[in-house]
Amino acid sequence: MTDKLFTLEETAEMLRKTPAALRYQIHKGTAPRSAKILGRRMFRESDVVAFIDAQFSAEEEKVSA
């Protein structure tokens, strides 16, 4: 395993969101990919980075349109 695993709280901090806001995004299906591992919601570092990159790509497409 090469990816670091982040907790919900760590991921929320990376995204500058509250844990509650990230839980809501998970509920809506608009959060980075995650999985429950031994009862804890965990995020792979590569999935969080890909999610952030996708958000920037979407914004760049809006600006160039």
PDB file of N, CA and C in Angstrom:
ATOM      1  N   MET A   1       0.863  -1.180   0.000  1.00  0.00           N
ATOM      2  CA  MET A   1       0.000   0.000   0.000  1.00  0.00           C
ATOM      3  C   MET A   1       0.903   1.234   0.000  1.00  0.00           C
ATOM      4  N   THR A   2       0.759   2.079  -1.011  1.00  0.00           N
ATOM      5  CA  THR A   2       1.610   3.257  -1.112  1.00  0.00           C
ATOM      6  C   THR A   2       0.885   4.538  -0.717  1.00  0.00           C
ATOM      7  N   ASP A   3      -0.441   4.540  -0.787  1.00  0.00           N
ATOM      8  CA  ASP A   3      -1.216   5.725  -0.427  1.00  0.00           C
ATOM      9  C   ASP A   3      -1.340   5.862   1.080  1.00  0.00           C
ATOM     10  N   LYS A   4      -1.279   7.091   1.541  1.00  0.00           N
ATOM     11  CA  LYS A   4      -1.628   7.357   2.933  1.00  0.00           C
ATOM     12  C   LYS A   4      -3.139   7.304   3.042  1.00  0.00           C
ATOM     13  N   LEU A   5      -3.631   6.928   4.195  1.00  0.00           N
ATOM     14  CA  LEU A   5      -5.062   6.945   4.457  1.00  0.00           C
ATOM     15  C   LEU A   5      -5.361   8.112   5.387  1.00  0.00           C
ATOM     16  N   PHE A   6      -6.417   8.856   5.072  1.00  0.00           N
ATOM     17  CA  PHE A   6      -6.824   9.991   5.878  1.00  0.00           C
ATOM     18  C   PHE A   6      -8.183   9.720   6.493  1.00  0.00           C
ATOM     19  N   THR A   7      -8.377  10.184   7.713  1.00  0.00           N
ATOM     20  CA  THR A   7      -9.684  10.099   8.360  1.00  0.00           C
ATOM     21  C   THR A   7     -10.595  11.168   7.773  1.00  0.00           C
ATOM     22  N   LEU A   8     -11.860  11.089   8.132  1.00  0.00           N
ATOM     23  CA  LEU A   8     -12.822  12.092   7.684  1.00  0.00           C
ATOM     24  C   LEU A   8     -12.392  13.480   8.166  1.00  0.00           C
ATOM     25  N   GLU A   9     -11.961  13.566   9.403  1.00  0.00           N
ATOM     26  CA  GLU A   9     -11.558  14.853   9.963  1.00  0.00           C
ATOM     27  C   GLU A   9     -10.342  15.426   9.235  1.00  0.00           C
ATOM     28  N   GLU A  10      -9.355  14.581   8.938  1.00  0.00           N
ATOM     29  CA  GLU A  10      -8.160  15.037   8.219  1.00  0.00           C
ATOM     30  C   GLU A  10      -8.519  15.489   6.807  1.00  0.00           C
ATOM     31  N   THR A  11      -9.395  14.744   6.150  1.00  0.00           N
ATOM     32  CA  THR A  11      -9.799  15.099   4.799  1.00  0.00           C
ATOM     33  C   THR A  11     -10.589  16.394   4.795  1.00  0.00           C
ATOM     34  N   ALA A  12     -11.476  16.558   5.760  1.00  0.00           N
ATOM     35  CA  ALA A  12     -12.248  17.801   5.867  1.00  0.00           C
ATOM     36  C   ALA A  12     -11.301  18.989   6.026  1.00  0.00           C
ATOM     37  N   GLU A  13     -10.276  18.829   6.837  1.00  0.00           N
ATOM     38  CA  GLU A  13      -9.292  19.907   7.035  1.00  0.00           C
ATOM     39  C   GLU A  13      -8.567  20.222   5.727  1.00  0.00           C
ATOM     40  N   MET A  14      -8.199  19.188   4.972  1.00  0.00           N
ATOM     41  CA  MET A  14      -7.521  19.395   3.686  1.00  0.00           C
ATOM     42  C   MET A  14      -8.403  20.172   2.717  1.00  0.00           C
ATOM     43  N   LEU A  15      -9.723  19.894   2.764  1.00  0.00           N
ATOM     44  CA  LEU A  15     -10.665  20.540   1.848  1.00  0.00           C
ATOM     45  C   LEU A  15     -11.213  21.851   2.409  1.00  0.00           C
ATOM     46  N   ARG A  16     -10.747  22.219   3.606  1.00  0.00           N
ATOM     47  CA  ARG A  16     -11.216  23.445   4.281  1.00  0.00           C
ATOM     48  C   ARG A  16     -12.720  23.413   4.499  1.00  0.00           C
ATOM     49  N   LYS A  17     -13.209  22.254   4.944  1.00  0.00           N
ATOM     50  CA  LYS A  17     -14.629  22.060   5.249  1.00  0.00           C
ATOM     51  C   LYS A  17     -14.740  21.550   6.678  1.00  0.00           C
ATOM     52  N   THR A  18     -15.918  21.658   7.232  1.00  0.00           N
ATOM     53  CA  THR A  18     -16.154  21.034   8.525  1.00  0.00           C
ATOM     54  C   THR A  18     -16.405  19.551   8.296  1.00  0.00           C
ATOM     55  N   PRO A  19     -16.161  18.727   9.309  1.00  0.00           N
ATOM     56  CA  PRO A  19     -16.492  17.309   9.159  1.00  0.00           C
ATOM     57  C   PRO A  19     -17.965  17.097   8.803  1.00  0.00           C
ATOM     58  N   ALA A  20     -18.852  17.903   9.364  1.00  0.00           N
ATOM     59  CA  ALA A  20     -20.284  17.772   9.051  1.00  0.00           C
ATOM     60  C   ALA A  20     -20.547  18.069   7.579  1.00  0.00           C
ATOM     61  N   ALA A  21     -19.896  19.084   7.029  1.00  0.00           N
ATOM     62  CA  ALA A  21     -20.084  19.424   5.612  1.00  0.00           C
ATOM     63  C   ALA A  21     -19.565  18.296   4.723  1.00  0.00           C
ATOM     64  N   LEU A  22     -18.450  17.675   5.105  1.00  0.00           N
ATOM     65  CA  LEU A  22     -17.921  16.557   4.321  1.00  0.00           C
ATOM     66  C   LEU A  22     -18.855  15.352   4.426  1.00  0.00           C
ATOM     67  N   ARG A  23     -19.417  15.103   5.602  1.00  0.00           N
ATOM     68  CA  ARG A  23     -20.392  14.010   5.730  1.00  0.00           C
ATOM     69  C   ARG A  23     -21.588  14.241   4.808  1.00  0.00           C
ATOM     70  N   TYR A  24     -22.029  15.478   4.718  1.00  0.00           N
ATOM     71  CA  TYR A  24     -23.150  15.806   3.829  1.00  0.00           C
ATOM     72  C   TYR A  24     -22.764  15.558   2.372  1.00  0.00           C
ATOM     73  N   GLN A  25     -21.545  15.935   1.995  1.00  0.00           N
ATOM     74  CA  GLN A  25     -21.083  15.666   0.631  1.00  0.00           C
ATOM     75  C   GLN A  25     -21.046  14.169   0.354  1.00  0.00           C
ATOM     76  N   ILE A  26     -20.632  13.384   1.329  1.00  0.00           N
ATOM     77  CA  ILE A  26     -20.624  11.925   1.165  1.00  0.00           C
ATOM     78  C   ILE A  26     -22.046  11.446   0.925  1.00  0.00           C
ATOM     79  N   HIS A  27     -22.976  11.957   1.720  1.00  0.00           N
ATOM     80  CA  HIS A  27     -24.388  11.596   1.579  1.00  0.00           C
ATOM     81  C   HIS A  27     -24.911  11.944   0.185  1.00  0.00           C
ATOM     82  N   LYS A  28     -24.533  13.114  -0.335  1.00  0.00           N
ATOM     83  CA  LYS A  28     -24.982  13.549  -1.663  1.00  0.00           C
ATOM     84  C   LYS A  28     -24.236  12.851  -2.791  1.00  0.00           C
ATOM     85  N   GLY A  29     -23.101  12.243  -2.493  1.00  0.00           N
ATOM     86  CA  GLY A  29     -22.297  11.593  -3.524  1.00  0.00           C
ATOM     87  C   GLY A  29     -21.360  12.544  -4.234  1.00  0.00           C
ATOM     88  N   THR A  30     -21.031  13.683  -3.597  1.00  0.00           N
ATOM     89  CA  THR A  30     -20.162  14.682  -4.229  1.00  0.00           C
ATOM     90  C   THR A  30     -18.816  14.817  -3.520  1.00  0.00           C
ATOM     91  N   ALA A  31     -18.469  13.854  -2.702  1.00  0.00           N
ATOM     92  CA  ALA A  31     -17.199  13.882  -1.958  1.00  0.00           C
ATOM     93  C   ALA A  31     -16.173  13.004  -2.664  1.00  0.00           C
ATOM     94  N   PRO A  32     -14.909  13.128  -2.275  1.00  0.00           N
ATOM     95  CA  PRO A  32     -13.907  12.194  -2.811  1.00  0.00           C
ATOM     96  C   PRO A  32     -14.280  10.754  -2.441  1.00  0.00           C
ATOM     97  N   ARG A  33     -13.802   9.807  -3.239  1.00  0.00           N
ATOM     98  CA  ARG A  33     -14.045   8.392  -2.947  1.00  0.00           C
ATOM     99  C   ARG A  33     -13.551   8.054  -1.555  1.00  0.00           C
ATOM    100  N   SER A  34     -14.295   7.203  -0.886  1.00  0.00           N
ATOM    101  CA  SER A  34     -13.906   6.784   0.457  1.00  0.00           C
ATOM    102  C   SER A  34     -14.440   5.380   0.704  1.00  0.00           C
ATOM    103  N   ALA A  35     -13.998   4.807   1.816  1.00  0.00           N
ATOM    104  CA  ALA A  35     -14.474   3.478   2.203  1.00  0.00           C
ATOM    105  C   ALA A  35     -14.466   3.384   3.718  1.00  0.00           C
ATOM    106  N   LYS A  36     -15.331   2.541   4.233  1.00  0.00           N
ATOM    107  CA  LYS A  36     -15.303   2.270   5.666  1.00  0.00           C
ATOM    108  C   LYS A  36     -14.323   1.132   5.892  1.00  0.00           C
ATOM    109  N   ILE A  37     -13.336   1.392   6.719  1.00  0.00           N
ATOM    110  CA  ILE A  37     -12.332   0.391   7.047  1.00  0.00           C
ATOM    111  C   ILE A  37     -12.381   0.202   8.561  1.00  0.00           C
ATOM    112  N   LEU A  38     -12.749  -0.982   8.974  1.00  0.00           N
ATOM    113  CA  LEU A  38     -12.908  -1.293  10.401  1.00  0.00           C
ATOM    114  C   LEU A  38     -13.808  -0.274  11.096  1.00  0.00           C
ATOM    115  N   GLY A  39     -14.869   0.135  10.401  1.00  0.00           N
ATOM    116  CA  GLY A  39     -15.851   1.035  10.989  1.00  0.00           C
ATOM    117  C   GLY A  39     -15.531   2.513  10.893  1.00  0.00           C
ATOM    118  N   ARG A  40     -14.396   2.864  10.311  1.00  0.00           N
ATOM    119  CA  ARG A  40     -14.018   4.278  10.172  1.00  0.00           C
ATOM    120  C   ARG A  40     -14.013   4.669   8.707  1.00  0.00           C
ATOM    121  N   ARG A  41     -14.549   5.833   8.389  1.00  0.00           N
ATOM    122  CA  ARG A  41     -14.539   6.353   7.020  1.00  0.00           C
ATOM    123  C   ARG A  41     -13.121   6.819   6.715  1.00  0.00           C
ATOM    124  N   MET A  42     -12.526   6.262   5.659  1.00  0.00           N
ATOM    125  CA  MET A  42     -11.148   6.587   5.289  1.00  0.00           C
ATOM    126  C   MET A  42     -11.085   7.016   3.827  1.00  0.00           C
ATOM    127  N   PHE A  43     -10.132   7.881   3.542  1.00  0.00           N
ATOM    128  CA  PHE A  43      -9.915   8.417   2.201  1.00  0.00           C
ATOM    129  C   PHE A  43      -8.471   8.149   1.808  1.00  0.00           C
ATOM    130  N   ARG A  44      -8.266   7.684   0.578  1.00  0.00           N
ATOM    131  CA  ARG A  44      -6.893   7.527   0.073  1.00  0.00           C
ATOM    132  C   ARG A  44      -6.381   8.885  -0.395  1.00  0.00           C
ATOM    133  N   GLU A  45      -5.128   9.129  -0.142  1.00  0.00           N
ATOM    134  CA  GLU A  45      -4.507  10.397  -0.539  1.00  0.00           C
ATOM    135  C   GLU A  45      -4.684  10.649  -2.032  1.00  0.00           C
ATOM    136  N   SER A  46      -4.483   9.638  -2.860  1.00  0.00           N
ATOM    137  CA  SER A  46      -4.585   9.823  -4.307  1.00  0.00           C
ATOM    138  C   SER A  46      -6.006  10.195  -4.724  1.00  0.00           C
ATOM    139  N   ASP A  47      -7.017   9.668  -4.033  1.00  0.00           N
ATOM    140  CA  ASP A  47      -8.403  10.014  -4.356  1.00  0.00           C
ATOM    141  C   ASP A  47      -8.726  11.458  -3.983  1.00  0.00           C
ATOM    142  N   VAL A  48      -8.187  11.916  -2.861  1.00  0.00           N
ATOM    143  CA  VAL A  48      -8.424  13.309  -2.442  1.00  0.00           C
ATOM    144  C   VAL A  48      -7.734  14.264  -3.420  1.00  0.00           C
ATOM    145  N   VAL A  49      -6.501  13.951  -3.803  1.00  0.00           N
ATOM    146  CA  VAL A  49      -5.762  14.797  -4.754  1.00  0.00           C
ATOM    147  C   VAL A  49      -6.481  14.811  -6.099  1.00  0.00           C
ATOM    148  N   ALA A  50      -6.956  13.656  -6.570  1.00  0.00           N
ATOM    149  CA  ALA A  50      -7.682  13.595  -7.846  1.00  0.00           C
ATOM    150  C   ALA A  50      -8.972  14.422  -7.769  1.00  0.00           C
ATOM    151  N   PHE A  51      -9.658  14.379  -6.635  1.00  0.00           N
ATOM    152  CA  PHE A  51     -10.881  15.161  -6.443  1.00  0.00           C
ATOM    153  C   PHE A  51     -10.575  16.651  -6.537  1.00  0.00           C
ATOM    154  N   ILE A  52      -9.518  17.093  -5.878  1.00  0.00           N
ATOM    155  CA  ILE A  52      -9.136  18.514  -5.918  1.00  0.00           C
ATOM    156  C   ILE A  52      -8.766  18.911  -7.340  1.00  0.00           C
ATOM    157  N   ASP A  53      -7.970  18.093  -8.011  1.00  0.00           N
ATOM    158  CA  ASP A  53      -7.575  18.389  -9.391  1.00  0.00           C
ATOM    159  C   ASP A  53      -8.795  18.486 -10.306  1.00  0.00           C
ATOM    160  N   ALA A  54      -9.773  17.607 -10.109  1.00  0.00           N
ATOM    161  CA  ALA A  54     -10.978  17.632 -10.938  1.00  0.00           C
ATOM    162  C   ALA A  54     -11.764  18.922 -10.715  1.00  0.00           C
ATOM    163  N   GLN A  55     -11.767  19.425  -9.493  1.00  0.00           N
ATOM    164  CA  GLN A  55     -12.483  20.665  -9.204  1.00  0.00           C
ATOM    165  C   GLN A  55     -11.821  21.837  -9.939  1.00  0.00           C
ATOM    166  N   PHE A  56     -10.495  21.860  -9.958  1.00  0.00           N
ATOM    167  CA  PHE A  56      -9.788  22.922 -10.678  1.00  0.00           C
ATOM    168  C   PHE A  56     -10.006  22.802 -12.177  1.00  0.00           C
ATOM    169  N   SER A  57     -10.028  21.582 -12.707  1.00  0.00           N
ATOM    170  CA  SER A  57     -10.253  21.377 -14.136  1.00  0.00           C
ATOM    171  C   SER A  57     -11.640  21.863 -14.532  1.00  0.00           C
ATOM    172  N   ALA A  58     -12.638  21.577 -13.689  1.00  0.00           N
ATOM    173  CA  ALA A  58     -13.999  22.024 -13.976  1.00  0.00           C
ATOM    174  C   ALA A  58     -14.079  23.548 -13.984  1.00  0.00           C
ATOM    175  N   GLU A  59     -13.396  24.186 -13.067  1.00  0.00           N
ATOM    176  CA  GLU A  59     -13.398  25.658 -13.027  1.00  0.00           C
ATOM    177  C   GLU A  59     -12.686  26.247 -14.246  1.00  0.00           C
ATOM    178  N   GLU A  60     -11.597  25.632 -14.669  1.00  0.00           N
ATOM    179  CA  GLU A  60     -10.871  26.124 -15.848  1.00  0.00           C
ATOM    180  C   GLU A  60     -11.731  26.001 -17.097  1.00  0.00           C
ATOM    181  N   GLU A  61     -12.530  24.943 -17.184  1.00  0.00           N
ATOM    182  CA  GLU A  61     -13.426  24.777 -18.331  1.00  0.00           C
ATOM    183  C   GLU A  61     -14.499  25.862 -18.338  1.00  0.00           C
ATOM    184  N   LYS A  62     -15.005  26.237 -17.169  1.00  0.00           N
ATOM    185  CA  LYS A  62     -16.007  27.284 -17.069  1.00  0.00           C
ATOM    186  C   LYS A  62     -15.432  28.619 -17.528  1.00  0.00           C
ATOM    187  N   VAL A  63     -14.203  28.908 -17.140  1.00  0.00           N
ATOM    188  CA  VAL A  63     -13.578  30.183 -17.464  1.00  0.00           C
ATOM    189  C   VAL A  63     -13.286  30.273 -18.952  1.00  0.00           C
ATOM    190  N   SER A  64     -12.843  29.173 -19.565  1.00  0.00           N
ATOM    191  CA  SER A  64     -12.495  29.213 -20.990  1.00  0.00           C
ATOM    192  C   SER A  64     -13.715  29.119 -21.901  1.00  0.00           C
ATOM    193  N   ALA A  65     -14.861  28.807 -21.343  1.00  0.00           N
ATOM    194  CA  ALA A  65     -16.069  28.681 -22.179  1.00  0.00           C
ATOM    195  C   ALA A  65     -16.692  30.015 -22.468  1.00  0.00           C
TER     196      ALA A  65
END
